[in-house]
Amino acid sequence: MLLAEATNAGEPSIFTTFVLPLVLMFAVFYFLLIRPQQKKQKARNLMLGDLKKGDKVITIGGIHGTIFEITDDMVVLQINDATKMTFDRSAVNGVKTD
């Protein structure tokens, strides 16, 4: 019994060998990948929720326009005096600030 305890005393435990590195890897992935992506998604949802008529926006495709009409899921952009285009609300990439 004492011989078995003596040989196990120098060996690292299964916790420090397997579990601790896995926990550390998960923590690194969380703080470097998952958390920033969640913050970015939250900011985008807030921006999409705050859209209103008259805002100057840029779509995902790079089209610049002014919101002419807006509903829960659609946005009508006025590109110039004669051109109006309809997009999904999620196609808006950002609001222009002048």
PDB file of N, CA and C in Angstrom:
ATOM      1  N   MET A   1       0.812  -1.189   0.000  1.00  0.00           N
ATOM      2  CA  MET A   1       0.000   0.000   0.000  1.00  0.00           C
ATOM      3  C   MET A   1       0.857   1.254   0.000  1.00  0.00           C
ATOM      4  N   LEU A   2       1.909   1.267   0.800  1.00  0.00           N
ATOM      5  CA  LEU A   2       2.789   2.424   0.843  1.00  0.00           C
ATOM      6  C   LEU A   2       3.576   2.575  -0.448  1.00  0.00           C
ATOM      7  N   LEU A   3       3.908   1.475  -1.095  1.00  0.00           N
ATOM      8  CA  LEU A   3       4.641   1.531  -2.346  1.00  0.00           C
ATOM      9  C   LEU A   3       3.787   2.151  -3.448  1.00  0.00           C
ATOM     10  N   ALA A   4       2.476   1.812  -3.491  1.00  0.00           N
ATOM     11  CA  ALA A   4       1.576   2.373  -4.493  1.00  0.00           C
ATOM     12  C   ALA A   4       1.389   3.872  -4.274  1.00  0.00           C
ATOM     13  N   GLU A   5       1.275   4.289  -3.021  1.00  0.00           N
ATOM     14  CA  GLU A   5       1.134   5.710  -2.723  1.00  0.00           C
ATOM     15  C   GLU A   5       2.400   6.481  -3.068  1.00  0.00           C
ATOM     16  N   ALA A   6       3.522   5.878  -2.902  1.00  0.00           N
ATOM     17  CA  ALA A   6       4.788   6.531  -3.200  1.00  0.00           C
ATOM     18  C   ALA A   6       4.957   6.727  -4.707  1.00  0.00           C
ATOM     19  N   THR A   7       4.531   5.752  -5.513  1.00  0.00           N
ATOM     20  CA  THR A   7       4.674   5.895  -6.960  1.00  0.00           C
ATOM     21  C   THR A   7       3.644   6.889  -7.514  1.00  0.00           C
ATOM     22  N   ASN A   8       2.454   6.985  -6.937  1.00  0.00           N
ATOM     23  CA  ASN A   8       1.427   7.923  -7.396  1.00  0.00           C
ATOM     24  C   ASN A   8       1.713   9.354  -6.962  1.00  0.00           C
ATOM     25  N   ALA A   9       2.529   9.530  -5.959  1.00  0.00           N
ATOM     26  CA  ALA A   9       2.792  10.869  -5.440  1.00  0.00           C
ATOM     27  C   ALA A   9       3.538  11.725  -6.462  1.00  0.00           C
ATOM     28  N   GLY A  10       4.391  11.147  -7.268  1.00  0.00           N
ATOM     29  CA  GLY A  10       5.149  11.906  -8.247  1.00  0.00           C
ATOM     30  C   GLY A  10       4.413  12.129  -9.551  1.00  0.00           C
ATOM     31  N   GLU A  11       3.346  11.392  -9.813  1.00  0.00           N
ATOM     32  CA  GLU A  11       2.594  11.508 -11.057  1.00  0.00           C
ATOM     33  C   GLU A  11       1.541  12.610 -10.950  1.00  0.00           C
ATOM     34  N   PRO A  12       1.316  13.356 -12.023  1.00  0.00           N
ATOM     35  CA  PRO A  12       0.255  14.366 -11.978  1.00  0.00           C
ATOM     36  C   PRO A  12      -1.126  13.699 -11.953  1.00  0.00           C
ATOM     37  N   SER A  13      -2.058  14.373 -11.349  1.00  0.00           N
ATOM     38  CA  SER A  13      -3.402  13.801 -11.254  1.00  0.00           C
ATOM     39  C   SER A  13      -4.109  13.893 -12.605  1.00  0.00           C
ATOM     40  N   ILE A  14      -5.169  13.151 -12.743  1.00  0.00           N
ATOM     41  CA  ILE A  14      -5.937  13.165 -13.992  1.00  0.00           C
ATOM     42  C   ILE A  14      -6.589  14.535 -14.203  1.00  0.00           C
ATOM     43  N   PHE A  15      -6.858  15.241 -13.125  1.00  0.00           N
ATOM     44  CA  PHE A  15      -7.453  16.578 -13.227  1.00  0.00           C
ATOM     45  C   PHE A  15      -6.491  17.543 -13.922  1.00  0.00           C
ATOM     46  N   THR A  16      -5.250  17.574 -13.455  1.00  0.00           N
ATOM     47  CA  THR A  16      -4.291  18.503 -14.048  1.00  0.00           C
ATOM     48  C   THR A  16      -3.852  18.060 -15.438  1.00  0.00           C
ATOM     49  N   THR A  17      -3.983  16.792 -15.749  1.00  0.00           N
ATOM     50  CA  THR A  17      -3.566  16.294 -17.056  1.00  0.00           C
ATOM     51  C   THR A  17      -4.607  16.546 -18.134  1.00  0.00           C
ATOM     52  N   PHE A  18      -5.877  16.311 -17.831  1.00  0.00           N
ATOM     53  CA  PHE A  18      -6.920  16.382 -18.859  1.00  0.00           C
ATOM     54  C   PHE A  18      -7.932  17.500 -18.645  1.00  0.00           C
ATOM     55  N   VAL A  19      -8.471  17.627 -17.474  1.00  0.00           N
ATOM     56  CA  VAL A  19      -9.582  18.543 -17.228  1.00  0.00           C
ATOM     57  C   VAL A  19      -9.130  19.997 -17.236  1.00  0.00           C
ATOM     58  N   LEU A  20      -8.057  20.309 -16.566  1.00  0.00           N
ATOM     59  CA  LEU A  20      -7.595  21.693 -16.471  1.00  0.00           C
ATOM     60  C   LEU A  20      -7.260  22.291 -17.845  1.00  0.00           C
ATOM     61  N   PRO A  21      -6.523  21.591 -18.713  1.00  0.00           N
ATOM     62  CA  PRO A  21      -6.278  22.164 -20.051  1.00  0.00           C
ATOM     63  C   PRO A  21      -7.554  22.370 -20.862  1.00  0.00           C
ATOM     64  N   LEU A  22      -8.522  21.477 -20.751  1.00  0.00           N
ATOM     65  CA  LEU A  22      -9.792  21.645 -21.462  1.00  0.00           C
ATOM     66  C   LEU A  22     -10.544  22.867 -20.969  1.00  0.00           C
ATOM     67  N   VAL A  23     -10.571  23.069 -19.678  1.00  0.00           N
ATOM     68  CA  VAL A  23     -11.236  24.240 -19.100  1.00  0.00           C
ATOM     69  C   VAL A  23     -10.532  25.518 -19.549  1.00  0.00           C
ATOM     70  N   LEU A  24      -9.218  25.510 -19.555  1.00  0.00           N
ATOM     71  CA  LEU A  24      -8.467  26.685 -19.995  1.00  0.00           C
ATOM     72  C   LEU A  24      -8.703  26.977 -21.476  1.00  0.00           C
ATOM     73  N   MET A  25      -8.749  25.943 -22.315  1.00  0.00           N
ATOM     74  CA  MET A  25      -9.027  26.149 -23.737  1.00  0.00           C
ATOM     75  C   MET A  25     -10.415  26.727 -23.949  1.00  0.00           C
ATOM     76  N   PHE A  26     -11.418  26.219 -23.224  1.00  0.00           N
ATOM     77  CA  PHE A  26     -12.765  26.752 -23.340  1.00  0.00           C
ATOM     78  C   PHE A  26     -12.803  28.219 -22.923  1.00  0.00           C
ATOM     79  N   ALA A  27     -12.106  28.561 -21.841  1.00  0.00           N
ATOM     80  CA  ALA A  27     -12.085  29.953 -21.371  1.00  0.00           C
ATOM     81  C   ALA A  27     -11.450  30.868 -22.420  1.00  0.00           C
ATOM     82  N   VAL A  28     -10.382  30.418 -23.047  1.00  0.00           N
ATOM     83  CA  VAL A  28      -9.725  31.221 -24.084  1.00  0.00           C
ATOM     84  C   VAL A  28     -10.662  31.402 -25.270  1.00  0.00           C
ATOM     85  N   PHE A  29     -11.309  30.323 -25.734  1.00  0.00           N
ATOM     86  CA  PHE A  29     -12.256  30.431 -26.843  1.00  0.00           C
ATOM     87  C   PHE A  29     -13.404  31.362 -26.497  1.00  0.00           C
ATOM     88  N   TYR A  30     -13.901  31.279 -25.273  1.00  0.00           N
ATOM     89  CA  TYR A  30     -15.023  32.119 -24.870  1.00  0.00           C
ATOM     90  C   TYR A  30     -14.640  33.594 -24.938  1.00  0.00           C
ATOM     91  N   PHE A  31     -13.513  33.958 -24.339  1.00  0.00           N
ATOM     92  CA  PHE A  31     -13.149  35.371 -24.264  1.00  0.00           C
ATOM     93  C   PHE A  31     -12.592  35.926 -25.572  1.00  0.00           C
ATOM     94  N   LEU A  32     -12.039  35.076 -26.441  1.00  0.00           N
ATOM     95  CA  LEU A  32     -11.489  35.570 -27.697  1.00  0.00           C
ATOM     96  C   LEU A  32     -12.447  35.456 -28.875  1.00  0.00           C
ATOM     97  N   LEU A  33     -13.381  34.515 -28.837  1.00  0.00           N
ATOM     98  CA  LEU A  33     -14.261  34.293 -29.984  1.00  0.00           C
ATOM     99  C   LEU A  33     -15.738  34.491 -29.681  1.00  0.00           C
ATOM    100  N   ILE A  34     -16.246  33.818 -28.701  1.00  0.00           N
ATOM    101  CA  ILE A  34     -17.692  33.786 -28.452  1.00  0.00           C
ATOM    102  C   ILE A  34     -18.193  35.118 -27.902  1.00  0.00           C
ATOM    103  N   ARG A  35     -17.562  35.641 -26.891  1.00  0.00           N
ATOM    104  CA  ARG A  35     -18.041  36.866 -26.243  1.00  0.00           C
ATOM    105  C   ARG A  35     -18.002  38.078 -27.184  1.00  0.00           C
ATOM    106  N   PRO A  36     -16.921  38.307 -27.927  1.00  0.00           N
ATOM    107  CA  PRO A  36     -16.939  39.444 -28.856  1.00  0.00           C
ATOM    108  C   PRO A  36     -18.015  39.308 -29.939  1.00  0.00           C
ATOM    109  N   GLN A  37     -18.254  38.085 -30.411  1.00  0.00           N
ATOM    110  CA  GLN A  37     -19.281  37.877 -31.421  1.00  0.00           C
ATOM    111  C   GLN A  37     -20.667  38.173 -30.848  1.00  0.00           C
ATOM    112  N   GLN A  38     -20.909  37.797 -29.592  1.00  0.00           N
ATOM    113  CA  GLN A  38     -22.194  38.099 -28.956  1.00  0.00           C
ATOM    114  C   GLN A  38     -22.382  39.603 -28.802  1.00  0.00           C
ATOM    115  N   LYS A  39     -21.334  40.328 -28.450  1.00  0.00           N
ATOM    116  CA  LYS A  39     -21.419  41.783 -28.320  1.00  0.00           C
ATOM    117  C   LYS A  39     -21.712  42.429 -29.668  1.00  0.00           C
ATOM    118  N   LYS A  40     -21.048  41.942 -30.706  1.00  0.00           N
ATOM    119  CA  LYS A  40     -21.258  42.489 -32.049  1.00  0.00           C
ATOM    120  C   LYS A  40     -22.696  42.237 -32.510  1.00  0.00           C
ATOM    121  N   GLN A  41     -23.221  41.045 -32.258  1.00  0.00           N
ATOM    122  CA  GLN A  41     -24.590  40.711 -32.648  1.00  0.00           C
ATOM    123  C   GLN A  41     -25.602  41.551 -31.874  1.00  0.00           C
ATOM    124  N   LYS A  42     -25.330  41.781 -30.598  1.00  0.00           N
ATOM    125  CA  LYS A  42     -26.227  42.609 -29.782  1.00  0.00           C
ATOM    126  C   LYS A  42     -26.252  44.051 -30.302  1.00  0.00           C
ATOM    127  N   ALA A  43     -25.089  44.581 -30.663  1.00  0.00           N
ATOM    128  CA  ALA A  43     -25.014  45.944 -31.196  1.00  0.00           C
ATOM    129  C   ALA A  43     -25.740  46.042 -32.538  1.00  0.00           C
ATOM    130  N   ARG A  44     -25.617  45.012 -33.384  1.00  0.00           N
ATOM    131  CA  ARG A  44     -26.300  45.013 -34.677  1.00  0.00           C
ATOM    132  C   ARG A  44     -27.816  44.969 -34.494  1.00  0.00           C
ATOM    133  N   ASN A  45     -28.287  44.115 -33.590  1.00  0.00           N
ATOM    134  CA  ASN A  45     -29.729  44.033 -33.333  1.00  0.00           C
ATOM    135  C   ASN A  45     -30.264  45.359 -32.790  1.00  0.00           C
ATOM    136  N   LEU A  46     -29.482  46.025 -31.956  1.00  0.00           N
ATOM    137  CA  LEU A  46     -29.894  47.322 -31.423  1.00  0.00           C
ATOM    138  C   LEU A  46     -29.968  48.353 -32.545  1.00  0.00           C
ATOM    139  N   MET A  47     -28.986  48.345 -33.450  1.00  0.00           N
ATOM    140  CA  MET A  47     -28.976  49.269 -34.583  1.00  0.00           C
ATOM    141  C   MET A  47     -30.183  49.019 -35.480  1.00  0.00           C
ATOM    142  N   LEU A  48     -30.482  47.751 -35.780  1.00  0.00           N
ATOM    143  CA  LEU A  48     -31.629  47.431 -36.630  1.00  0.00           C
ATOM    144  C   LEU A  48     -32.943  47.818 -35.965  1.00  0.00           C
ATOM    145  N   GLY A  49     -33.006  47.704 -34.657  1.00  0.00           N
ATOM    146  CA  GLY A  49     -34.218  48.080 -33.934  1.00  0.00           C
ATOM    147  C   GLY A  49     -34.438  49.577 -33.871  1.00  0.00           C
ATOM    148  N   ASP A  50     -33.355  50.350 -33.958  1.00  0.00           N
ATOM    149  CA  ASP A  50     -33.452  51.811 -33.852  1.00  0.00           C
ATOM    150  C   ASP A  50     -33.616  52.510 -35.195  1.00  0.00           C
ATOM    151  N   LEU A  51     -33.715  51.757 -36.287  1.00  0.00           N
ATOM    152  CA  LEU A  51     -33.883  52.388 -37.600  1.00  0.00           C
ATOM    153  C   LEU A  51     -35.203  53.145 -37.658  1.00  0.00           C
ATOM    154  N   LYS A  52     -35.173  54.312 -38.335  1.00  0.00           N
ATOM    155  CA  LYS A  52     -36.392  55.098 -38.481  1.00  0.00           C
ATOM    156  C   LYS A  52     -36.377  55.801 -39.832  1.00  0.00           C
ATOM    157  N   LYS A  53     -37.515  56.283 -40.230  1.00  0.00           N
ATOM    158  CA  LYS A  53     -37.657  56.972 -41.509  1.00  0.00           C
ATOM    159  C   LYS A  53     -36.733  58.192 -41.537  1.00  0.00           C
ATOM    160  N   GLY A  54     -36.021  58.344 -42.655  1.00  0.00           N
ATOM    161  CA  GLY A  54     -35.112  59.473 -42.811  1.00  0.00           C
ATOM    162  C   GLY A  54     -33.661  59.150 -42.508  1.00  0.00           C
ATOM    163  N   ASP A  55     -33.376  57.997 -41.895  1.00  0.00           N
ATOM    164  CA  ASP A  55     -31.993  57.609 -41.621  1.00  0.00           C
ATOM    165  C   ASP A  55     -31.273  57.302 -42.925  1.00  0.00           C
ATOM    166  N   LYS A  56     -30.035  57.730 -43.019  1.00  0.00           N
ATOM    167  CA  LYS A  56     -29.196  57.396 -44.169  1.00  0.00           C
ATOM    168  C   LYS A  56     -28.449  56.121 -43.814  1.00  0.00           C
ATOM    169  N   VAL A  57     -28.608  55.094 -44.660  1.00  0.00           N
ATOM    170  CA  VAL A  57     -28.055  53.779 -44.356  1.00  0.00           C
ATOM    171  C   VAL A  57     -27.238  53.236 -45.525  1.00  0.00           C
ATOM    172  N   ILE A  58     -26.473  52.200 -45.223  1.00  0.00           N
ATOM    173  CA  ILE A  58     -25.705  51.451 -46.214  1.00  0.00           C
ATOM    174  C   ILE A  58     -26.140  49.992 -46.091  1.00  0.00           C
ATOM    175  N   THR A  59     -26.450  49.365 -47.226  1.00  0.00           N
ATOM    176  CA  THR A  59     -26.854  47.956 -47.201  1.00  0.00           C
ATOM    177  C   THR A  59     -25.623  47.060 -47.223  1.00  0.00           C
ATOM    178  N   ILE A  60     -25.840  45.781 -47.035  1.00  0.00           N
ATOM    179  CA  ILE A  60     -24.761  44.802 -47.088  1.00  0.00           C
ATOM    180  C   ILE A  60     -24.108  44.807 -48.469  1.00  0.00           C
ATOM    181  N   GLY A  61     -24.894  45.076 -49.506  1.00  0.00           N
ATOM    182  CA  GLY A  61     -24.373  45.123 -50.863  1.00  0.00           C
ATOM    183  C   GLY A  61     -23.680  46.426 -51.210  1.00  0.00           C
ATOM    184  N   GLY A  62     -23.661  47.390 -50.300  1.00  0.00           N
ATOM    185  CA  GLY A  62     -22.962  48.647 -50.532  1.00  0.00           C
ATOM    186  C   GLY A  62     -23.829  49.750 -51.101  1.00  0.00           C
ATOM    187  N   ILE A  63     -25.128  49.567 -51.155  1.00  0.00           N
ATOM    188  CA  ILE A  63     -26.024  50.594 -51.682  1.00  0.00           C
ATOM    189  C   ILE A  63     -26.309  51.623 -50.587  1.00  0.00           C
ATOM    190  N   HIS A  64     -26.126  52.893 -50.925  1.00  0.00           N
ATOM    191  CA  HIS A  64     -26.379  53.981 -49.997  1.00  0.00           C
ATOM    192  C   HIS A  64     -27.753  54.561 -50.304  1.00  0.00           C
ATOM    193  N   GLY A  65     -28.525  54.819 -49.274  1.00  0.00           N
ATOM    194  CA  GLY A  65     -29.842  55.401 -49.473  1.00  0.00           C
ATOM    195  C   GLY A  65     -30.424  55.929 -48.185  1.00  0.00           C
ATOM    196  N   THR A  66     -31.591  56.552 -48.316  1.00  0.00           N
ATOM    197  CA  THR A  66     -32.321  57.096 -47.177  1.00  0.00           C
ATOM    198  C   THR A  66     -33.590  56.275 -46.980  1.00  0.00           C
ATOM    199  N   ILE A  67     -33.895  55.936 -45.739  1.00  0.00           N
ATOM    200  CA  ILE A  67     -35.091  55.142 -45.463  1.00  0.00           C
ATOM    201  C   ILE A  67     -36.317  55.983 -45.795  1.00  0.00           C
ATOM    202  N   PHE A  68     -37.106  55.481 -46.738  1.00  0.00           N
ATOM    203  CA  PHE A  68     -38.336  56.144 -47.166  1.00  0.00           C
ATOM    204  C   PHE A  68     -39.523  55.592 -46.401  1.00  0.00           C
ATOM    205  N   GLU A  69     -39.496  54.267 -46.186  1.00  0.00           N
ATOM    206  CA  GLU A  69     -40.589  53.586 -45.491  1.00  0.00           C
ATOM    207  C   GLU A  69     -39.981  52.391 -44.772  1.00  0.00           C
ATOM    208  N   ILE A  70     -40.529  52.059 -43.600  1.00  0.00           N
ATOM    209  CA  ILE A  70     -39.978  50.948 -42.834  1.00  0.00           C
ATOM    210  C   ILE A  70     -41.097  50.179 -42.153  1.00  0.00           C
ATOM    211  N   THR A  71     -40.994  48.852 -42.179  1.00  0.00           N
ATOM    212  CA  THR A  71     -41.917  47.976 -41.449  1.00  0.00           C
ATOM    213  C   THR A  71     -41.079  47.063 -40.559  1.00  0.00           C
ATOM    214  N   ASP A  72     -41.739  46.075 -39.944  1.00  0.00           N
ATOM    215  CA  ASP A  72     -41.029  45.166 -39.051  1.00  0.00           C
ATOM    216  C   ASP A  72     -39.939  44.367 -39.764  1.00  0.00           C
ATOM    217  N   ASP A  73     -40.189  44.006 -41.036  1.00  0.00           N
ATOM    218  CA  ASP A  73     -39.212  43.164 -41.723  1.00  0.00           C
ATOM    219  C   ASP A  73     -38.739  43.709 -43.064  1.00  0.00           C
ATOM    220  N   MET A  74     -39.261  44.838 -43.513  1.00  0.00           N
ATOM    221  CA  MET A  74     -38.878  45.407 -44.802  1.00  0.00           C
ATOM    222  C   MET A  74     -38.479  46.879 -44.653  1.00  0.00           C
ATOM    223  N   VAL A  75     -37.579  47.310 -45.542  1.00  0.00           N
ATOM    224  CA  VAL A  75     -37.133  48.699 -45.586  1.00  0.00           C
ATOM    225  C   VAL A  75     -37.181  49.149 -47.040  1.00  0.00           C
ATOM    226  N   VAL A  76     -37.800  50.288 -47.295  1.00  0.00           N
ATOM    227  CA  VAL A  76     -37.797  50.879 -48.634  1.00  0.00           C
ATOM    228  C   VAL A  76     -36.803  52.029 -48.596  1.00  0.00           C
ATOM    229  N   LEU A  77     -35.763  51.919 -49.444  1.00  0.00           N
ATOM    230  CA  LEU A  77     -34.743  52.957 -49.497  1.00  0.00           C
ATOM    231  C   LEU A  77     -34.960  53.836 -50.717  1.00  0.00           C
ATOM    232  N   GLN A  78     -34.802  55.115 -50.517  1.00  0.00           N
ATOM    233  CA  GLN A  78     -34.836  56.056 -51.630  1.00  0.00           C
ATOM    234  C   GLN A  78     -33.383  56.314 -52.006  1.00  0.00           C
ATOM    235  N   ILE A  79     -33.029  55.841 -53.212  1.00  0.00           N
ATOM    236  CA  ILE A  79     -31.646  55.942 -53.668  1.00  0.00           C
ATOM    237  C   ILE A  79     -31.380  57.322 -54.265  1.00  0.00           C
ATOM    238  N   ASN A  80     -32.264  57.774 -55.135  1.00  0.00           N
ATOM    239  CA  ASN A  80     -32.221  59.145 -55.653  1.00  0.00           C
ATOM    240  C   ASN A  80     -33.662  59.620 -55.783  1.00  0.00           C
ATOM    241  N   ASP A  81     -33.904  60.710 -56.493  1.00  0.00           N
ATOM    242  CA  ASP A  81     -35.254  61.271 -56.565  1.00  0.00           C
ATOM    243  C   ASP A  81     -36.261  60.318 -57.184  1.00  0.00           C
ATOM    244  N   ALA A  82     -35.828  59.472 -58.118  1.00  0.00           N
ATOM    245  CA  ALA A  82     -36.766  58.617 -58.842  1.00  0.00           C
ATOM    246  C   ALA A  82     -36.669  57.140 -58.486  1.00  0.00           C
ATOM    247  N   THR A  83     -35.674  56.726 -57.730  1.00  0.00           N
ATOM    248  CA  THR A  83     -35.442  55.301 -57.491  1.00  0.00           C
ATOM    249  C   THR A  83     -35.695  54.934 -56.030  1.00  0.00           C
ATOM    250  N   LYS A  84     -36.574  53.950 -55.845  1.00  0.00           N
ATOM    251  CA  LYS A  84     -36.833  53.390 -54.517  1.00  0.00           C
ATOM    252  C   LYS A  84     -36.633  51.884 -54.620  1.00  0.00           C
ATOM    253  N   MET A  85     -35.940  51.311 -53.631  1.00  0.00           N
ATOM    254  CA  MET A  85     -35.668  49.881 -53.621  1.00  0.00           C
ATOM    255  C   MET A  85     -36.110  49.301 -52.286  1.00  0.00           C
ATOM    256  N   THR A  86     -36.635  48.081 -52.339  1.00  0.00           N
ATOM    257  CA  THR A  86     -37.104  47.402 -51.136  1.00  0.00           C
ATOM    258  C   THR A  86     -36.099  46.333 -50.724  1.00  0.00           C
ATOM    259  N   PHE A  87     -35.768  46.302 -49.444  1.00  0.00           N
ATOM    260  CA  PHE A  87     -34.812  45.348 -48.885  1.00  0.00           C
ATOM    261  C   PHE A  87     -35.389  44.729 -47.623  1.00  0.00           C
ATOM    262  N   ASP A  88     -34.869  43.565 -47.259  1.00  0.00           N
ATOM    263  CA  ASP A  88     -35.139  43.034 -45.933  1.00  0.00           C
ATOM    264  C   ASP A  88     -34.458  43.949 -44.922  1.00  0.00           C
ATOM    265  N   ARG A  89     -35.051  44.058 -43.763  1.00  0.00           N
ATOM    266  CA  ARG A  89     -34.467  44.920 -42.726  1.00  0.00           C
ATOM    267  C   ARG A  89     -33.056  44.442 -42.354  1.00  0.00           C
ATOM    268  N   SER A  90     -32.839  43.135 -42.399  1.00  0.00           N
ATOM    269  CA  SER A  90     -31.536  42.583 -42.034  1.00  0.00           C
ATOM    270  C   SER A  90     -30.459  42.886 -43.074  1.00  0.00           C
ATOM    271  N   ALA A  91     -30.843  43.408 -44.254  1.00  0.00           N
ATOM    272  CA  ALA A  91     -29.863  43.757 -45.287  1.00  0.00           C
ATOM    273  C   ALA A  91     -29.180  45.086 -44.997  1.00  0.00           C
ATOM    274  N   VAL A  92     -29.655  45.820 -44.011  1.00  0.00           N
ATOM    275  CA  VAL A  92     -29.019  47.088 -43.647  1.00  0.00           C
ATOM    276  C   VAL A  92     -27.756  46.769 -42.848  1.00  0.00           C
ATOM    277  N   ASN A  93     -26.634  47.299 -43.333  1.00  0.00           N
ATOM    278  CA  ASN A  93     -25.349  47.012 -42.678  1.00  0.00           C
ATOM    279  C   ASN A  93     -24.980  48.073 -41.655  1.00  0.00           C
ATOM    280  N   GLY A  94     -25.388  49.301 -41.877  1.00  0.00           N
ATOM    281  CA  GLY A  94     -25.047  50.349 -40.939  1.00  0.00           C
ATOM    282  C   GLY A  94     -25.753  51.648 -41.253  1.00  0.00           C
ATOM    283  N   VAL A  95     -25.735  52.531 -40.281  1.00  0.00           N
ATOM    284  CA  VAL A  95     -26.328  53.856 -40.432  1.00  0.00           C
ATOM    285  C   VAL A  95     -25.183  54.836 -40.652  1.00  0.00           C
ATOM    286  N   LYS A  96     -25.312  55.684 -41.685  1.00  0.00           N
ATOM    287  CA  LYS A  96     -24.286  56.681 -41.987  1.00  0.00           C
ATOM    288  C   LYS A  96     -24.428  57.853 -41.028  1.00  0.00           C
ATOM    289  N   THR A  97     -23.314  58.317 -40.529  1.00  0.00           N
ATOM    290  CA  THR A  97     -23.310  59.520 -39.708  1.00  0.00           C
ATOM    291  C   THR A  97     -22.469  60.556 -40.428  1.00  0.00           C
ATOM    292  N   ASP A  98     -23.020  61.723 -40.624  1.00  0.00           N
ATOM    293  CA  ASP A  98     -22.308  62.786 -41.343  1.00  0.00           C
ATOM    294  C   ASP A  98     -21.730  63.779 -40.385  1.00  0.00           C
TER     295      ASP A  98
END
